[in-house]
PDB file of N, CA and C in Angstrom:
ATOM      1  N   MET A   1      -2.734   4.079 -32.080  1.00  0.00           N
ATOM      2  CA  MET A   1      -2.063   3.317 -33.114  1.00  0.00           C
ATOM      3  C   MET A   1      -1.108   2.324 -32.459  1.00  0.00           C
ATOM      4  N   SER A   2      -1.089   1.134 -32.955  1.00  0.00           N
ATOM      5  CA  SER A   2      -0.185   0.109 -32.448  1.00  0.00           C
ATOM      6  C   SER A   2       0.837  -0.241 -33.515  1.00  0.00           C
ATOM      7  N   VAL A   3       2.010  -0.648 -33.052  1.00  0.00           N
ATOM      8  CA  VAL A   3       3.044  -1.123 -33.965  1.00  0.00           C
ATOM      9  C   VAL A   3       3.546  -2.460 -33.466  1.00  0.00           C
ATOM     10  N   GLU A   4       4.052  -3.261 -34.368  1.00  0.00           N
ATOM     11  CA  GLU A   4       4.623  -4.550 -33.990  1.00  0.00           C
ATOM     12  C   GLU A   4       6.105  -4.392 -33.760  1.00  0.00           C
ATOM     13  N   LEU A   5       6.601  -5.062 -32.725  1.00  0.00           N
ATOM     14  CA  LEU A   5       8.024  -5.104 -32.431  1.00  0.00           C
ATOM     15  C   LEU A   5       8.443  -6.556 -32.315  1.00  0.00           C
ATOM     16  N   ALA A   6       9.661  -6.823 -32.726  1.00  0.00           N
ATOM     17  CA  ALA A   6      10.207  -8.166 -32.535  1.00  0.00           C
ATOM     18  C   ALA A   6      11.017  -8.153 -31.244  1.00  0.00           C
ATOM     19  N   VAL A   7      10.774  -9.139 -30.396  1.00  0.00           N
ATOM     20  CA  VAL A   7      11.467  -9.229 -29.120  1.00  0.00           C
ATOM     21  C   VAL A   7      12.111 -10.604 -29.030  1.00  0.00           C
ATOM     22  N   THR A   8      13.370 -10.627 -28.632  1.00  0.00           N
ATOM     23  CA  THR A   8      14.063 -11.895 -28.451  1.00  0.00           C
ATOM     24  C   THR A   8      14.123 -12.224 -26.978  1.00  0.00           C
ATOM     25  N   VAL A   9      13.660 -13.412 -26.624  1.00  0.00           N
ATOM     26  CA  VAL A   9      13.707 -13.888 -25.250  1.00  0.00           C
ATOM     27  C   VAL A   9      14.332 -15.278 -25.255  1.00  0.00           C
ATOM     28  N   ASP A  10      14.840 -15.695 -24.101  1.00  0.00           N
ATOM     29  CA  ASP A  10      15.392 -17.049 -24.042  1.00  0.00           C
ATOM     30  C   ASP A  10      14.255 -18.052 -23.819  1.00  0.00           C
ATOM     31  N   ASN A  11      14.588 -19.320 -23.878  1.00  0.00           N
ATOM     32  CA  ASN A  11      13.568 -20.375 -23.781  1.00  0.00           C
ATOM     33  C   ASN A  11      12.819 -20.338 -22.455  1.00  0.00           C
ATOM     34  N   ASP A  12      13.532 -20.069 -21.360  1.00  0.00           N
ATOM     35  CA  ASP A  12      12.873 -20.002 -20.054  1.00  0.00           C
ATOM     36  C   ASP A  12      11.879 -18.851 -19.990  1.00  0.00           C
ATOM     37  N   GLN A  13      12.273 -17.697 -20.519  1.00  0.00           N
ATOM     38  CA  GLN A  13      11.368 -16.553 -20.527  1.00  0.00           C
ATOM     39  C   GLN A  13      10.141 -16.840 -21.388  1.00  0.00           C
ATOM     40  N   LYS A  14      10.353 -17.465 -22.536  1.00  0.00           N
ATOM     41  CA  LYS A  14       9.234 -17.816 -23.420  1.00  0.00           C
ATOM     42  C   LYS A  14       8.271 -18.748 -22.700  1.00  0.00           C
ATOM     43  N   ALA A  15       8.807 -19.726 -21.984  1.00  0.00           N
ATOM     44  CA  ALA A  15       7.950 -20.653 -21.239  1.00  0.00           C
ATOM     45  C   ALA A  15       7.158 -19.917 -20.167  1.00  0.00           C
ATOM     46  N   GLN A  16       7.788 -18.971 -19.484  1.00  0.00           N
ATOM     47  CA  GLN A  16       7.086 -18.199 -18.454  1.00  0.00           C
ATOM     48  C   GLN A  16       5.978 -17.354 -19.071  1.00  0.00           C
ATOM     49  N   ILE A  17       6.278 -16.722 -20.188  1.00  0.00           N
ATOM     50  CA  ILE A  17       5.275 -15.890 -20.874  1.00  0.00           C
ATOM     51  C   ILE A  17       4.106 -16.758 -21.326  1.00  0.00           C
ATOM     52  N   ASP A  18       4.420 -17.907 -21.901  1.00  0.00           N
ATOM     53  CA  ASP A  18       3.365 -18.819 -22.349  1.00  0.00           C
ATOM     54  C   ASP A  18       2.496 -19.277 -21.181  1.00  0.00           C
ATOM     55  N   ALA A  19       3.121 -19.577 -20.043  1.00  0.00           N
ATOM     56  CA  ALA A  19       2.372 -20.027 -18.868  1.00  0.00           C
ATOM     57  C   ALA A  19       1.449 -18.924 -18.357  1.00  0.00           C
ATOM     58  N   ILE A  20       1.944 -17.709 -18.336  1.00  0.00           N
ATOM     59  CA  ILE A  20       1.106 -16.577 -17.902  1.00  0.00           C
ATOM     60  C   ILE A  20      -0.065 -16.405 -18.849  1.00  0.00           C
ATOM     61  N   ALA A  21       0.222 -16.430 -20.137  1.00  0.00           N
ATOM     62  CA  ALA A  21      -0.830 -16.251 -21.142  1.00  0.00           C
ATOM     63  C   ALA A  21      -1.895 -17.335 -21.011  1.00  0.00           C
ATOM     64  N   GLU A  22      -1.452 -18.570 -20.823  1.00  0.00           N
ATOM     65  CA  GLU A  22      -2.401 -19.671 -20.697  1.00  0.00           C
ATOM     66  C   GLU A  22      -3.254 -19.519 -19.437  1.00  0.00           C
ATOM     67  N   ALA A  23      -2.611 -19.171 -18.329  1.00  0.00           N
ATOM     68  CA  ALA A  23      -3.343 -19.021 -17.068  1.00  0.00           C
ATOM     69  C   ALA A  23      -4.364 -17.891 -17.139  1.00  0.00           C
ATOM     70  N   ARG A  24      -4.054 -16.871 -17.894  1.00  0.00           N
ATOM     71  CA  ARG A  24      -4.958 -15.717 -18.000  1.00  0.00           C
ATOM     72  C   ARG A  24      -5.889 -15.808 -19.191  1.00  0.00           C
ATOM     73  N   GLN A  25      -5.697 -16.844 -19.977  1.00  0.00           N
ATOM     74  CA  GLN A  25      -6.464 -17.014 -21.216  1.00  0.00           C
ATOM     75  C   GLN A  25      -6.297 -15.790 -22.118  1.00  0.00           C
ATOM     76  N   GLU A  26      -5.043 -15.395 -22.272  1.00  0.00           N
ATOM     77  CA  GLU A  26      -4.685 -14.280 -23.139  1.00  0.00           C
ATOM     78  C   GLU A  26      -3.635 -14.757 -24.136  1.00  0.00           C
ATOM     79  N   THR A  27      -3.384 -13.914 -25.120  1.00  0.00           N
ATOM     80  CA  THR A  27      -2.318 -14.222 -26.068  1.00  0.00           C
ATOM     81  C   THR A  27      -0.992 -13.751 -25.488  1.00  0.00           C
ATOM     82  N   THR A  28       0.094 -14.290 -26.027  1.00  0.00           N
ATOM     83  CA  THR A  28       1.407 -13.829 -25.573  1.00  0.00           C
ATOM     84  C   THR A  28       1.585 -12.345 -25.892  1.00  0.00           C
ATOM     85  N   ALA A  29       1.009 -11.894 -27.000  1.00  0.00           N
ATOM     86  CA  ALA A  29       1.099 -10.476 -27.355  1.00  0.00           C
ATOM     87  C   ALA A  29       0.435  -9.607 -26.296  1.00  0.00           C
ATOM     88  N   GLU A  30      -0.703 -10.059 -25.761  1.00  0.00           N
ATOM     89  CA  GLU A  30      -1.388  -9.294 -24.713  1.00  0.00           C
ATOM     90  C   GLU A  30      -0.555  -9.255 -23.442  1.00  0.00           C
ATOM     91  N   VAL A  31       0.029 -10.383 -23.089  1.00  0.00           N
ATOM     92  CA  VAL A  31       0.867 -10.442 -21.892  1.00  0.00           C
ATOM     93  C   VAL A  31       2.074  -9.524 -22.051  1.00  0.00           C
ATOM     94  N   LEU A  32       2.730  -9.597 -23.189  1.00  0.00           N
ATOM     95  CA  LEU A  32       3.903  -8.756 -23.419  1.00  0.00           C
ATOM     96  C   LEU A  32       3.544  -7.276 -23.480  1.00  0.00           C
ATOM     97  N   SER A  33       2.407  -6.960 -24.073  1.00  0.00           N
ATOM     98  CA  SER A  33       1.974  -5.563 -24.139  1.00  0.00           C
ATOM     99  C   SER A  33       1.752  -4.995 -22.744  1.00  0.00           C
ATOM    100  N   GLU A  34       1.112  -5.797 -21.880  1.00  0.00           N
ATOM    101  CA  GLU A  34       0.904  -5.357 -20.497  1.00  0.00           C
ATOM    102  C   GLU A  34       2.231  -5.216 -19.761  1.00  0.00           C
ATOM    103  N   ALA A  35       3.137  -6.162 -19.989  1.00  0.00           N
ATOM    104  CA  ALA A  35       4.448  -6.111 -19.325  1.00  0.00           C
ATOM    105  C   ALA A  35       5.209  -4.854 -19.742  1.00  0.00           C
ATOM    106  N   VAL A  36       5.159  -4.513 -21.013  1.00  0.00           N
ATOM    107  CA  VAL A  36       5.842  -3.311 -21.492  1.00  0.00           C
ATOM    108  C   VAL A  36       5.202  -2.072 -20.865  1.00  0.00           C
ATOM    109  N   ALA A  37       3.870  -2.031 -20.821  1.00  0.00           N
ATOM    110  CA  ALA A  37       3.177  -0.885 -20.223  1.00  0.00           C
ATOM    111  C   ALA A  37       3.558  -0.722 -18.757  1.00  0.00           C
ATOM    112  N   GLN A  38       3.602  -1.842 -18.018  1.00  0.00           N
ATOM    113  CA  GLN A  38       3.982  -1.774 -16.604  1.00  0.00           C
ATOM    114  C   GLN A  38       5.423  -1.307 -16.443  1.00  0.00           C
ATOM    115  N   TYR A  39       6.309  -1.795 -17.295  1.00  0.00           N
ATOM    116  CA  TYR A  39       7.711  -1.378 -17.228  1.00  0.00           C
ATOM    117  C   TYR A  39       7.838   0.111 -17.499  1.00  0.00           C
ATOM    118  N   LEU A  40       7.145   0.596 -18.504  1.00  0.00           N
ATOM    119  CA  LEU A  40       7.225   2.022 -18.835  1.00  0.00           C
ATOM    120  C   LEU A  40       6.664   2.890 -17.711  1.00  0.00           C
ATOM    121  N   ASP A  41       5.566   2.442 -17.098  1.00  0.00           N
ATOM    122  CA  ASP A  41       5.010   3.168 -15.948  1.00  0.00           C
ATOM    123  C   ASP A  41       6.015   3.196 -14.799  1.00  0.00           C
ATOM    124  N   TYR A  42       6.612   2.036 -14.509  1.00  0.00           N
ATOM    125  CA  TYR A  42       7.599   1.965 -13.433  1.00  0.00           C
ATOM    126  C   TYR A  42       8.801   2.855 -13.731  1.00  0.00           C
ATOM    127  N   ASP A  43       9.290   2.796 -14.948  1.00  0.00           N
ATOM    128  CA  ASP A  43      10.461   3.596 -15.314  1.00  0.00           C
ATOM    129  C   ASP A  43      10.162   5.088 -15.162  1.00  0.00           C
ATOM    130  N   ALA A  44       8.988   5.517 -15.594  1.00  0.00           N
ATOM    131  CA  ALA A  44       8.609   6.927 -15.457  1.00  0.00           C
ATOM    132  C   ALA A  44       8.530   7.318 -13.983  1.00  0.00           C
ATOM    133  N   TRP A  45       7.909   6.449 -13.152  1.00  0.00           N
ATOM    134  CA  TRP A  45       7.828   6.711 -11.711  1.00  0.00           C
ATOM    135  C   TRP A  45       9.229   6.793 -11.106  1.00  0.00           C
ATOM    136  N   PHE A  46      10.088   5.829 -11.439  1.00  0.00           N
ATOM    137  CA  PHE A  46      11.436   5.789 -10.891  1.00  0.00           C
ATOM    138  C   PHE A  46      12.203   7.059 -11.247  1.00  0.00           C
ATOM    139  N   ARG A  47      12.108   7.493 -12.490  1.00  0.00           N
ATOM    140  CA  ARG A  47      12.811   8.712 -12.915  1.00  0.00           C
ATOM    141  C   ARG A  47      12.295   9.947 -12.176  1.00  0.00           C
ATOM    142  N   ARG A  48      10.964  10.002 -11.953  1.00  0.00           N
ATOM    143  CA  ARG A  48      10.407  11.123 -11.176  1.00  0.00           C
ATOM    144  C   ARG A  48      10.950  11.112  -9.757  1.00  0.00           C
ATOM    145  N   GLU A  49      11.024   9.928  -9.151  1.00  0.00           N
ATOM    146  CA  GLU A  49      11.530   9.828  -7.784  1.00  0.00           C
ATOM    147  C   GLU A  49      13.006  10.209  -7.707  1.00  0.00           C
ATOM    148  N   VAL A  50      13.797   9.800  -8.673  1.00  0.00           N
ATOM    149  CA  VAL A  50      15.211  10.195  -8.712  1.00  0.00           C
ATOM    150  C   VAL A  50      15.314  11.705  -8.850  1.00  0.00           C
ATOM    151  N   ASP A  51      14.512  12.296  -9.737  1.00  0.00           N
ATOM    152  CA  ASP A  51      14.529  13.751  -9.897  1.00  0.00           C
ATOM    153  C   ASP A  51      14.152  14.460  -8.601  1.00  0.00           C
ATOM    154  N   LYS A  52      13.150  13.912  -7.880  1.00  0.00           N
ATOM    155  CA  LYS A  52      12.774  14.497  -6.586  1.00  0.00           C
ATOM    156  C   LYS A  52      13.952  14.434  -5.613  1.00  0.00           C
ATOM    157  N   GLY A  53      14.616  13.283  -5.583  1.00  0.00           N
ATOM    158  CA  GLY A  53      15.759  13.125  -4.689  1.00  0.00           C
ATOM    159  C   GLY A  53      16.889  14.073  -5.029  1.00  0.00           C
ATOM    160  N   LEU A  54      17.174  14.223  -6.305  1.00  0.00           N
ATOM    161  CA  LEU A  54      18.237  15.140  -6.717  1.00  0.00           C
ATOM    162  C   LEU A  54      17.873  16.584  -6.384  1.00  0.00           C
ATOM    163  N   ALA A  55      16.608  16.936  -6.575  1.00  0.00           N
ATOM    164  CA  ALA A  55      16.162  18.285  -6.231  1.00  0.00           C
ATOM    165  C   ALA A  55      16.291  18.519  -4.731  1.00  0.00           C
ATOM    166  N   SER A  56      15.948  17.504  -3.943  1.00  0.00           N
ATOM    167  CA  SER A  56      16.075  17.598  -2.491  1.00  0.00           C
ATOM    168  C   SER A  56      17.528  17.827  -2.092  1.00  0.00           C
ATOM    169  N   LEU A  57      18.427  17.089  -2.719  1.00  0.00           N
ATOM    170  CA  LEU A  57      19.857  17.278  -2.435  1.00  0.00           C
ATOM    171  C   LEU A  57      20.317  18.672  -2.833  1.00  0.00           C
ATOM    172  N   ALA A  58      19.822  19.147  -3.975  1.00  0.00           N
ATOM    173  CA  ALA A  58      20.206  20.483  -4.441  1.00  0.00           C
ATOM    174  C   ALA A  58      19.746  21.563  -3.458  1.00  0.00           C
ATOM    175  N   ARG A  59      18.636  21.296  -2.745  1.00  0.00           N
ATOM    176  CA  ARG A  59      18.141  22.244  -1.745  1.00  0.00           C
ATOM    177  C   ARG A  59      18.854  22.069  -0.404  1.00  0.00           C
ATOM    178  N   GLY A  60      19.790  21.132  -0.347  1.00  0.00           N
ATOM    179  CA  GLY A  60      20.530  20.906   0.885  1.00  0.00           C
ATOM    180  C   GLY A  60      19.795  20.056   1.894  1.00  0.00           C
ATOM    181  N   GLU A  61      18.840  19.279   1.442  1.00  0.00           N
ATOM    182  CA  GLU A  61      18.027  18.472   2.350  1.00  0.00           C
ATOM    183  C   GLU A  61      18.558  17.048   2.529  1.00  0.00           C
ATOM    184  N   GLY A  62      19.767  16.803   2.085  1.00  0.00           N
ATOM    185  CA  GLY A  62      20.338  15.463   2.198  1.00  0.00           C
ATOM    186  C   GLY A  62      20.824  15.170   3.605  1.00  0.00           C
ATOM    187  N   HIS A  63      21.221  13.939   3.824  1.00  0.00           N
ATOM    188  CA  HIS A  63      21.743  13.512   5.113  1.00  0.00           C
ATOM    189  C   HIS A  63      23.177  13.035   4.935  1.00  0.00           C
ATOM    190  N   ASP A  64      24.014  13.361   5.865  1.00  0.00           N
ATOM    191  CA  ASP A  64      25.410  12.950   5.836  1.00  0.00           C
ATOM    192  C   ASP A  64      25.503  11.433   5.963  1.00  0.00           C
ATOM    193  N   PHE A  65      26.354  10.826   5.157  1.00  0.00           N
ATOM    194  CA  PHE A  65      26.505   9.373   5.172  1.00  0.00           C
ATOM    195  C   PHE A  65      26.836   8.858   6.563  1.00  0.00           C
ATOM    196  N   GLU A  66      27.763   9.497   7.237  1.00  0.00           N
ATOM    197  CA  GLU A  66      28.174   9.026   8.567  1.00  0.00           C
ATOM    198  C   GLU A  66      27.018   9.063   9.557  1.00  0.00           C
ATOM    199  N   ASP A  67      26.173  10.086   9.468  1.00  0.00           N
ATOM    200  CA  ASP A  67      25.006  10.158  10.350  1.00  0.00           C
ATOM    201  C   ASP A  67      24.030   9.017  10.071  1.00  0.00           C
ATOM    202  N   VAL A  68      23.805   8.739   8.802  1.00  0.00           N
ATOM    203  CA  VAL A  68      22.896   7.655   8.433  1.00  0.00           C
ATOM    204  C   VAL A  68      23.473   6.319   8.886  1.00  0.00           C
ATOM    205  N   ALA A  69      24.755   6.101   8.633  1.00  0.00           N
ATOM    206  CA  ALA A  69      25.407   4.847   9.029  1.00  0.00           C
ATOM    207  C   ALA A  69      25.338   4.665  10.540  1.00  0.00           C
ATOM    208  N   ALA A  70      25.570   5.723  11.285  1.00  0.00           N
ATOM    209  CA  ALA A  70      25.505   5.635  12.745  1.00  0.00           C
ATOM    210  C   ALA A  70      24.093   5.295  13.203  1.00  0.00           C
ATOM    211  N   SER A  71      23.106   5.876  12.546  1.00  0.00           N
ATOM    212  CA  SER A  71      21.717   5.592  12.887  1.00  0.00           C
ATOM    213  C   SER A  71      21.397   4.119  12.642  1.00  0.00           C
ATOM    214  N   PHE A  72      21.874   3.580  11.530  1.00  0.00           N
ATOM    215  CA  PHE A  72      21.658   2.163  11.238  1.00  0.00           C
ATOM    216  C   PHE A  72      22.372   1.277  12.253  1.00  0.00           C
ATOM    217  N   ARG A  73      23.596   1.627  12.589  1.00  0.00           N
ATOM    218  CA  ARG A  73      24.326   0.833  13.576  1.00  0.00           C
ATOM    219  C   ARG A  73      23.589   0.821  14.913  1.00  0.00           C
ATOM    220  N   GLN A  74      23.066   1.969  15.307  1.00  0.00           N
ATOM    221  CA  GLN A  74      22.325   2.065  16.562  1.00  0.00           C
ATOM    222  C   GLN A  74      21.063   1.201  16.497  1.00  0.00           C
ATOM    223  N   ARG A  75      20.338   1.268  15.384  1.00  0.00           N
ATOM    224  CA  ARG A  75      19.109   0.488  15.254  1.00  0.00           C
ATOM    225  C   ARG A  75      19.412  -1.011  15.265  1.00  0.00           C
ATOM    226  N   ILE A  76      20.476  -1.431  14.605  1.00  0.00           N
ATOM    227  CA  ILE A  76      20.871  -2.833  14.604  1.00  0.00           C
ATOM    228  C   ILE A  76      21.205  -3.297  16.013  1.00  0.00           C
ATOM    229  N   ALA A  77      21.938  -2.472  16.754  1.00  0.00           N
ATOM    230  CA  ALA A  77      22.284  -2.822  18.144  1.00  0.00           C
ATOM    231  C   ALA A  77      21.034  -2.950  18.990  1.00  0.00           C
ATOM    232  N   GLU A  78      20.056  -2.065  18.793  1.00  0.00           N
ATOM    233  CA  GLU A  78      18.794  -2.133  19.530  1.00  0.00           C
ATOM    234  C   GLU A  78      18.058  -3.443  19.206  1.00  0.00           C
ATOM    235  N   LEU A  79      18.030  -3.801  17.938  1.00  0.00           N
ATOM    236  CA  LEU A  79      17.335  -5.020  17.533  1.00  0.00           C
ATOM    237  C   LEU A  79      18.007  -6.243  18.113  1.00  0.00           C
ATOM    238  N   LYS A  80      19.335  -6.225  18.185  1.00  0.00           N
ATOM    239  CA  LYS A  80      20.069  -7.362  18.760  1.00  0.00           C
ATOM    240  C   LYS A  80      19.775  -7.503  20.247  1.00  0.00           C
ATOM    241  N   ARG A  81      19.501  -6.365  20.906  1.00  0.00           N
ATOM    242  CA  ARG A  81      19.164  -6.403  22.325  1.00  0.00           C
ATOM    243  C   ARG A  81      17.697  -6.749  22.542  1.00  0.00           C
ATOM    244  N   GLY A  82      16.940  -6.903  21.436  1.00  0.00           N
ATOM    245  CA  GLY A  82      15.522  -7.245  21.543  1.00  0.00           C
ATOM    246  C   GLY A  82      14.620  -6.059  21.590  1.00  0.00           C
ATOM    247  N   GLY A  83      15.128  -4.895  21.237  1.00  0.00           N
ATOM    248  CA  GLY A  83      14.296  -3.694  21.237  1.00  0.00           C
ATOM    249  C   GLY A  83      13.420  -3.616  19.994  1.00  0.00           C
ATOM    250  N   ASP A  84      12.398  -2.781  20.080  1.00  0.00           N
ATOM    251  CA  ASP A  84      11.493  -2.603  18.941  1.00  0.00           C
ATOM    252  C   ASP A  84      11.967  -1.444  18.113  1.00  0.00           C
TER     253      ASP A  84
END
């Protein structure tokens, strides 16, 4: 089942949507429907990844900030010296 939603976009966004629709020979509704589906898929993936990260931290698998920062500083120094 499909439902209609009203969406407000600015003029630049409308122009971009129209250009995409024209290039793909689709309607703006089709372009927006795909965009919403992709956003929802991404949001679900992102939330799963955050939950995985939080679970990892709860199990004590996190890394100390200072250790991570030191590792980055070391890698930056290596790159400045021309290291791989």
